[in-house]
N, C-alpha and C. Protein backbone atom coordinates (compact mmCIF):
# COMPACT_ATOMS: atom_id res chain seq x y z
N MET A 1 39.55 40.08 117.96
CA MET A 1 41.12 39.37 118.14
C MET A 1 42.29 39.84 117.02
N THR A 2 41.96 40.63 115.91
CA THR A 2 43.38 41.26 115.74
C THR A 2 43.48 42.41 116.55
N SER A 3 42.86 43.23 117.12
CA SER A 3 43.16 44.64 117.84
C SER A 3 43.70 43.86 119.33
N ARG A 4 43.22 42.81 119.66
CA ARG A 4 44.09 42.10 120.72
C ARG A 4 45.45 41.66 120.38
N ASN A 5 45.54 40.71 119.41
CA ASN A 5 46.67 40.21 118.75
C ASN A 5 47.97 41.58 118.74
N ARG A 6 47.05 42.65 118.13
CA ARG A 6 47.97 44.01 118.04
C ARG A 6 48.90 44.42 119.27
N ALA A 7 47.61 44.56 120.34
CA ALA A 7 48.04 45.07 121.38
C ALA A 7 49.01 43.72 122.24
N LEU A 8 49.15 42.75 122.25
CA LEU A 8 49.76 41.77 122.64
C LEU A 8 51.29 41.91 121.99
N LEU A 9 51.42 42.07 120.99
CA LEU A 9 52.57 41.93 120.27
C LEU A 9 52.95 43.62 120.29
N ASP A 10 52.46 44.23 120.66
CA ASP A 10 53.21 45.67 121.10
C ASP A 10 53.85 46.00 122.44
N SER A 11 52.76 45.47 123.22
CA SER A 11 53.08 44.84 125.13
C SER A 11 54.88 44.29 125.05
N PHE A 12 55.14 43.33 124.16
CA PHE A 12 56.31 42.59 123.97
C PHE A 12 57.39 43.12 123.15
N GLY A 13 57.41 44.75 122.57
CA GLY A 13 57.92 44.89 121.73
C GLY A 13 58.04 44.44 120.23
N PHE A 14 57.29 43.68 119.70
CA PHE A 14 57.52 42.94 118.66
C PHE A 14 56.74 44.16 117.41
N ILE A 15 57.24 43.70 116.19
CA ILE A 15 57.41 44.70 115.08
C ILE A 15 56.61 44.63 114.32
N ALA A 16 55.15 44.96 113.86
CA ALA A 16 54.37 44.36 113.30
C ALA A 16 53.73 45.04 112.41
N GLY A 17 54.03 45.01 110.83
CA GLY A 17 53.30 45.79 109.98
C GLY A 17 54.27 45.96 108.80
N ASP A 18 54.34 46.71 107.88
CA ASP A 18 55.06 46.90 106.69
C ASP A 18 56.28 46.00 106.73
N ARG A 19 56.50 45.25 105.59
CA ARG A 19 58.06 44.78 105.64
C ARG A 19 59.21 45.49 105.32
N ASP A 20 60.25 45.01 106.47
CA ASP A 20 61.52 45.55 106.32
C ASP A 20 62.16 44.68 104.99
N PRO A 21 62.47 44.99 103.95
CA PRO A 21 62.85 44.39 102.89
C PRO A 21 63.85 43.68 103.03
N ALA A 22 65.01 43.99 103.77
CA ALA A 22 66.28 43.25 103.92
C ALA A 22 65.82 42.26 105.54
N MET A 23 64.65 41.90 105.91
CA MET A 23 64.25 40.78 106.41
C MET A 23 63.70 39.51 105.81
N ASN A 24 64.01 38.25 105.93
CA ASN A 24 63.33 37.56 105.68
C ASN A 24 63.55 37.38 104.07
N THR A 25 64.73 37.40 103.33
CA THR A 25 64.84 37.81 101.76
C THR A 25 64.31 36.67 100.85
N ASN A 26 64.41 35.49 101.56
CA ASN A 26 64.36 34.24 100.86
C ASN A 26 62.38 34.04 100.53
N PHE A 27 61.86 34.83 101.46
CA PHE A 27 60.06 34.59 101.01
C PHE A 27 59.59 36.14 100.62
N ALA A 28 58.52 35.86 99.92
CA ALA A 28 57.78 37.07 99.36
C ALA A 28 56.94 37.35 100.63
N GLY A 29 56.12 39.13 100.51
CA GLY A 29 55.22 39.17 101.47
C GLY A 29 55.49 40.90 101.38
N ARG A 30 54.31 41.29 101.82
CA ARG A 30 54.22 42.89 102.08
C ARG A 30 54.68 43.34 103.22
N TYR A 31 54.03 42.33 104.33
CA TYR A 31 54.29 42.56 106.30
C TYR A 31 55.06 41.84 106.63
N MET A 32 55.05 41.76 107.94
CA MET A 32 55.71 41.15 108.45
C MET A 32 55.66 41.47 110.16
N VAL A 33 56.03 40.16 111.06
CA VAL A 33 55.83 40.10 112.08
C VAL A 33 56.98 39.54 112.74
N CYS A 34 58.02 40.27 113.57
CA CYS A 34 59.16 40.24 113.62
C CYS A 34 59.97 40.43 115.58
N GLU A 35 60.35 39.64 116.22
CA GLU A 35 61.07 40.16 117.34
C GLU A 35 61.75 41.33 117.04
N PRO A 36 61.59 42.02 118.76
CA PRO A 36 62.71 43.47 118.32
C PRO A 36 63.86 43.19 118.19
N TYR A 37 64.47 44.12 116.94
CA TYR A 37 65.82 43.99 116.52
C TYR A 37 66.13 45.56 115.83
N GLU A 38 67.97 45.47 115.80
CA GLU A 38 68.33 46.64 115.40
C GLU A 38 67.66 46.75 113.85
N ARG A 39 67.53 48.26 113.35
CA ARG A 39 67.14 48.93 111.88
C ARG A 39 68.45 47.85 111.41
N GLY A 40 68.61 47.86 109.93
CA GLY A 40 69.63 47.60 109.39
C GLY A 40 70.39 45.97 109.57
N HIS A 41 69.99 45.11 110.75
CA HIS A 41 70.25 44.23 110.68
C HIS A 41 69.25 43.15 109.12
N GLY A 42 69.74 42.48 108.59
CA GLY A 42 69.23 42.26 107.62
C GLY A 42 69.47 40.07 107.63
N GLN A 43 68.30 39.27 106.89
CA GLN A 43 68.61 37.64 106.89
C GLN A 43 67.64 37.21 105.69
N PRO A 44 68.33 36.43 105.54
CA PRO A 44 67.65 35.91 104.18
C PRO A 44 66.56 34.63 104.86
N ASP A 45 66.44 34.44 106.37
CA ASP A 45 65.58 33.40 106.93
C ASP A 45 65.67 33.48 108.03
N GLY A 46 64.94 32.37 108.89
CA GLY A 46 64.84 33.03 110.54
C GLY A 46 66.33 32.42 111.05
N ARG A 47 67.03 31.98 110.33
CA ARG A 47 68.46 31.51 110.89
C ARG A 47 69.87 32.90 110.84
N GLY A 48 68.57 33.76 110.86
CA GLY A 48 69.91 34.97 111.04
C GLY A 48 69.67 35.45 112.53
N GLY A 49 69.03 34.59 113.41
CA GLY A 49 68.84 34.85 115.02
C GLY A 49 67.15 35.91 114.90
N ILE A 50 66.75 36.13 114.71
CA ILE A 50 65.66 36.98 114.79
C ILE A 50 64.74 36.53 114.15
N TRP A 51 63.13 35.70 115.04
CA TRP A 51 62.30 35.41 114.74
C TRP A 51 61.50 36.44 113.67
N CYS A 52 61.13 35.86 113.10
CA CYS A 52 60.58 36.90 111.89
C CYS A 52 59.76 36.23 110.95
N VAL A 53 58.23 36.41 110.30
CA VAL A 53 57.29 35.96 109.50
C VAL A 53 57.06 37.17 108.53
N VAL A 54 56.95 36.86 107.22
CA VAL A 54 56.64 37.34 106.64
C VAL A 54 54.93 37.11 105.70
N GLY A 55 54.51 37.84 105.15
CA GLY A 55 53.47 37.47 104.26
C GLY A 55 52.53 38.58 103.63
N ASP A 56 51.48 38.25 103.24
CA ASP A 56 50.72 39.29 102.31
C ASP A 56 49.25 39.32 103.76
N ASP A 57 49.56 38.64 104.50
CA ASP A 57 47.79 38.82 105.60
C ASP A 57 48.45 39.05 106.75
N LEU A 58 48.79 40.50 107.16
CA LEU A 58 49.21 40.96 108.56
C LEU A 58 48.17 40.04 110.00
N ASP A 59 47.05 39.90 109.54
CA ASP A 59 46.25 39.45 110.60
C ASP A 59 46.55 38.24 110.78
N MET A 60 46.86 37.40 109.97
CA MET A 60 47.52 35.74 110.03
C MET A 60 48.80 35.60 110.71
N LEU A 61 49.76 37.03 110.00
CA LEU A 61 50.62 36.61 110.64
C LEU A 61 50.96 37.17 112.41
N MET A 62 49.79 38.19 112.57
CA MET A 62 50.37 38.54 114.15
C MET A 62 49.90 37.14 114.93
N THR A 63 48.85 36.48 114.12
CA THR A 63 47.95 35.32 115.17
C THR A 63 49.07 34.29 115.37
N GLU A 64 49.77 34.09 114.22
CA GLU A 64 50.95 33.25 114.40
C GLU A 64 52.16 33.50 115.30
N ALA A 65 52.55 34.77 115.25
CA ALA A 65 53.43 35.30 116.38
C ALA A 65 52.79 34.85 117.85
N VAL A 66 51.64 35.41 118.23
CA VAL A 66 50.90 35.20 119.48
C VAL A 66 50.77 33.68 119.60
N GLU A 67 50.54 32.99 118.90
CA GLU A 67 50.41 31.65 119.13
C GLU A 67 51.99 30.98 119.32
N PHE A 68 52.59 31.47 118.51
CA PHE A 68 53.94 30.55 118.43
C PHE A 68 54.54 30.96 120.02
N PHE A 69 54.47 32.36 120.16
CA PHE A 69 55.21 32.53 121.62
C PHE A 69 54.19 32.65 122.92
N GLU A 70 52.96 31.98 122.56
CA GLU A 70 52.36 31.95 123.86
C GLU A 70 52.05 33.31 124.62
N LEU A 71 51.84 34.39 123.68
CA LEU A 71 51.66 35.11 124.18
C LEU A 71 50.76 35.93 125.25
N GLU A 72 49.58 35.37 124.94
CA GLU A 72 48.46 35.10 126.29
C GLU A 72 48.37 34.61 127.15
N SER A 73 49.36 33.78 127.16
CA SER A 73 49.71 33.32 128.64
C SER A 73 51.16 33.48 129.48
N VAL A 74 51.57 34.82 129.23
CA VAL A 74 52.61 35.32 129.70
C VAL A 74 52.41 36.98 129.78
N GLU A 75 53.17 37.44 130.64
CA GLU A 75 53.11 38.73 131.35
C GLU A 75 54.11 39.54 130.47
N PRO A 76 53.94 40.78 130.02
CA PRO A 76 55.13 41.47 129.29
C PRO A 76 56.01 41.47 130.48
N ALA A 77 56.85 42.26 130.45
CA ALA A 77 58.11 42.85 131.43
C ALA A 77 57.43 44.26 131.56
N LYS A 78 57.56 44.85 132.53
CA LYS A 78 57.32 46.06 133.22
C LYS A 78 58.93 47.12 132.94
N ALA A 79 58.01 47.88 132.06
CA ALA A 79 59.60 48.97 132.17
C ALA A 79 59.01 50.28 131.99
N ASP A 80 59.72 51.39 132.78
CA ASP A 80 59.47 52.81 132.55
C ASP A 80 59.62 53.17 131.04
N ALA A 81 59.01 54.91 130.88
CA ALA A 81 59.24 55.25 129.32
C ALA A 81 60.63 54.93 128.77
N GLU A 82 61.41 54.91 129.49
CA GLU A 82 62.87 54.88 128.46
C GLU A 82 63.04 53.56 128.64
N GLY A 83 62.38 52.59 128.72
CA GLY A 83 62.80 51.29 128.42
C GLY A 83 63.62 50.48 129.60
N THR A 84 63.70 51.05 130.93
CA THR A 84 64.40 50.61 131.95
C THR A 84 63.39 49.57 132.72
N PRO A 85 63.85 48.40 132.25
CA PRO A 85 63.06 47.65 133.33
C PRO A 85 62.94 47.87 134.71
N LEU A 86 61.75 47.81 135.39
CA LEU A 86 61.24 47.84 136.52
C LEU A 86 61.60 46.90 137.60
């Protein structure tokens, strides 16, 4: 399931892995899963506009994101190598 979740998140452009210390600063955790965002953006919690979860169990965070966004039932947008929609 973990590799499937990783593949789904990657296909939708989510960021999953080591924590950006500027994201969700009100919460502890070594890892994060976030919607795509510009580096340099920071927020104390999800009210900053970017959906982001942080914690110490990356597999659990990836599962939470896949389930929250129901990614298994949605097709990712098609784009070329430069990110231009097809």
